[in-house]
Amino acid sequence: MSTFMAKAETLERKWYVLDAAGKPLGKVAAAAAAILRGKNRPEFTPHVDCGEFVIIVNASQAVLTGKKLEQKKYRYHTGYIGGLKEIGYKQLMAKNPEKAVYLAVKGMLPKNTIGRKSLTRLKVYAGETHNHAAQQPQSLEF
């Protein structure tokens, strides 16, 4: 008996919709990362990109538990001397909730070419509507 190895070009990719309204940001991001990686498929192969497409709606209604909304900070560097910037998650969720969800999912994916390719299949929307109805996405509960 030989081990089955999936091939990326023969996989049929499905579309899933995750609703983040009232759910913790980390739970939504973990579910999305697992689907983007392909861990929900029976033919999952670690070295092959066999993930699906994920649409996250209601990103602005995702919640942060505990005191994370006030205490958690998003830091980045501009590349210039003294260019360390910092923004609190309260301001980030108010200004750009799509970016907060995107960064949470990005942190849960592997830091290699498969992770970067998987991240291109993530679509995040702050509101209820999305423009991917033609792909007939399936609603997913987690």
Protein backbone atom coordinates (compact mmCIF):
# COMPACT_ATOMS: atom_id res chain seq x y z
CA MET A 1 0.00 0.00 0.00
CA SER A 2 1.40 3.39 -0.97
CA THR A 3 0.84 6.76 0.65
CA PHE A 4 -1.44 9.13 -1.26
CA MET A 5 0.08 12.51 -2.11
CA ALA A 6 -2.26 15.23 -3.33
CA LYS A 7 -1.33 17.38 -6.31
CA ALA A 8 -2.26 21.08 -6.26
CA GLU A 9 -3.31 21.15 -9.92
CA THR A 10 -5.85 18.33 -9.54
CA LEU A 11 -7.62 19.69 -6.43
CA GLU A 12 -11.11 21.15 -6.65
CA ARG A 13 -11.19 24.23 -4.41
CA LYS A 14 -14.43 25.15 -2.64
CA TRP A 15 -15.55 28.52 -1.22
CA TYR A 16 -16.64 28.94 2.40
CA VAL A 17 -18.23 31.86 4.25
CA LEU A 18 -17.44 32.48 7.93
CA ASP A 19 -19.59 34.93 9.89
CA ALA A 20 -17.52 36.74 12.53
CA ALA A 21 -20.44 38.57 14.18
CA GLY A 22 -20.24 38.18 17.96
CA LYS A 23 -17.47 35.56 17.81
CA PRO A 24 -13.95 35.91 19.24
CA LEU A 25 -11.39 37.12 16.72
CA GLY A 26 -9.00 34.27 17.48
CA LYS A 27 -11.61 31.55 16.95
CA VAL A 28 -12.59 33.02 13.58
CA ALA A 29 -8.95 33.35 12.54
CA ALA A 30 -8.09 29.79 13.63
CA ALA A 31 -11.01 28.32 11.68
CA ALA A 32 -10.10 30.36 8.60
CA ALA A 33 -6.42 29.40 8.81
CA ALA A 34 -7.25 25.69 9.01
CA ILE A 35 -9.46 25.89 5.92
CA LEU A 36 -6.95 28.03 3.99
CA ARG A 37 -4.26 25.49 4.78
CA GLY A 38 -6.48 22.55 3.72
CA LYS A 39 -6.54 20.73 7.06
CA ASN A 40 -10.28 20.04 6.71
CA ARG A 41 -9.71 17.87 3.64
CA PRO A 42 -9.13 14.10 3.89
CA GLU A 43 -6.37 14.32 1.26
CA PHE A 44 -4.37 16.97 3.19
CA THR A 45 -0.70 16.86 2.30
CA PRO A 46 1.65 19.12 4.33
CA HIS A 47 3.98 20.11 1.49
CA VAL A 48 1.19 20.84 -1.04
CA ASP A 49 -1.07 23.88 -1.09
CA CYS A 50 -4.45 22.11 -0.90
CA GLY A 51 -6.51 24.77 0.86
CA GLU A 52 -9.87 26.32 0.04
CA PHE A 53 -11.15 29.88 -0.41
CA VAL A 54 -12.49 31.66 2.70
CA ILE A 55 -14.76 34.70 2.87
CA ILE A 56 -15.08 36.34 6.29
CA VAL A 57 -18.06 38.68 6.69
CA ASN A 58 -18.98 41.00 9.59
CA ALA A 59 -15.33 41.55 10.52
CA SER A 60 -16.30 44.78 12.28
CA GLN A 61 -18.48 42.80 14.72
CA ALA A 62 -15.75 40.36 15.83
CA VAL A 63 -15.02 40.64 19.54
CA LEU A 64 -11.80 40.54 21.54
CA THR A 65 -12.13 38.80 24.90
CA GLY A 66 -10.81 40.09 28.20
CA LYS A 67 -8.98 43.42 28.15
CA LYS A 68 -7.40 42.82 24.74
CA LEU A 69 -9.40 45.61 23.10
CA GLU A 70 -7.69 48.19 25.34
CA GLN A 71 -4.31 46.49 25.94
CA LYS A 72 -3.39 44.73 22.70
CA LYS A 73 -1.22 46.75 20.29
CA TYR A 74 -0.36 46.29 16.64
CA ARG A 75 3.25 47.33 16.00
CA TYR A 76 5.02 47.77 12.69
CA HIS A 77 8.19 49.42 11.46
CA THR A 78 8.34 51.85 8.55
CA GLY A 79 11.92 50.99 7.67
CA TYR A 80 13.31 54.35 8.72
CA ILE A 81 15.34 55.11 11.84
CA GLY A 82 12.98 55.50 14.79
CA GLY A 83 10.08 54.35 12.61
CA LEU A 84 8.38 51.98 15.04
CA LYS A 85 4.65 52.69 14.87
CA GLU A 86 2.00 51.43 17.27
CA ILE A 87 -1.78 51.41 17.11
CA GLY A 88 -4.19 49.92 19.64
CA TYR A 89 -6.69 47.31 18.57
CA LYS A 90 -9.57 49.55 19.62
CA GLN A 91 -8.49 52.11 17.02
CA LEU A 92 -7.64 49.40 14.47
CA MET A 93 -11.05 47.74 14.80
CA ALA A 94 -12.77 51.12 14.46
CA LYS A 95 -10.65 52.30 11.52
CA ASN A 96 -9.93 49.11 9.56
CA PRO A 97 -11.50 45.89 10.94
CA GLU A 98 -10.59 43.96 7.79
CA LYS A 99 -6.90 44.47 8.53
CA ALA A 100 -7.27 43.24 12.12
CA VAL A 101 -8.87 39.98 10.94
CA TYR A 102 -6.37 39.65 8.08
CA LEU A 103 -3.41 40.02 10.46
CA ALA A 104 -4.90 37.48 12.89
CA VAL A 105 -5.24 34.89 10.12
CA LYS A 106 -1.80 35.73 8.70
CA GLY A 107 -0.20 35.04 12.08
CA MET A 108 -1.72 31.55 12.17
CA LEU A 109 -0.44 30.45 8.76
CA PRO A 110 3.05 29.08 8.12
CA LYS A 111 5.73 31.64 7.28
CA ASN A 112 6.73 30.18 3.91
CA THR A 113 5.58 30.13 0.28
CA ILE A 114 2.57 27.91 1.05
CA GLY A 115 1.40 30.32 3.76
CA ARG A 116 1.78 33.35 1.48
CA LYS A 117 -0.08 31.60 -1.35
CA SER A 118 -2.84 30.51 1.04
CA LEU A 119 -3.32 34.08 2.23
CA THR A 120 -4.25 35.19 -1.30
CA ARG A 121 -7.42 33.06 -1.03
CA LEU A 122 -8.67 34.99 2.02
CA LYS A 123 -11.36 37.64 1.43
CA VAL A 124 -12.40 39.81 4.41
CA TYR A 125 -15.38 42.18 4.52
CA ALA A 126 -16.42 44.51 7.34
CA GLY A 127 -20.13 44.22 6.54
CA GLU A 128 -22.64 41.51 5.71
CA THR A 129 -22.34 41.66 1.92
CA HIS A 130 -19.65 40.24 -0.32
CA ASN A 131 -19.32 40.04 -4.09
CA HIS A 132 -18.55 36.32 -4.44
CA ALA A 133 -22.08 34.98 -4.94
CA ALA A 134 -21.10 33.56 -8.35
CA GLN A 135 -18.75 31.09 -6.64
CA GLN A 136 -21.67 29.66 -4.60
CA PRO A 137 -19.89 29.68 -1.22
CA GLN A 138 -21.05 27.36 1.53
CA SER A 139 -21.82 28.78 4.96
CA LEU A 140 -19.64 27.25 7.64
CA GLU A 141 -20.36 27.02 11.38
CA PHE A 142 -17.49 26.49 13.82
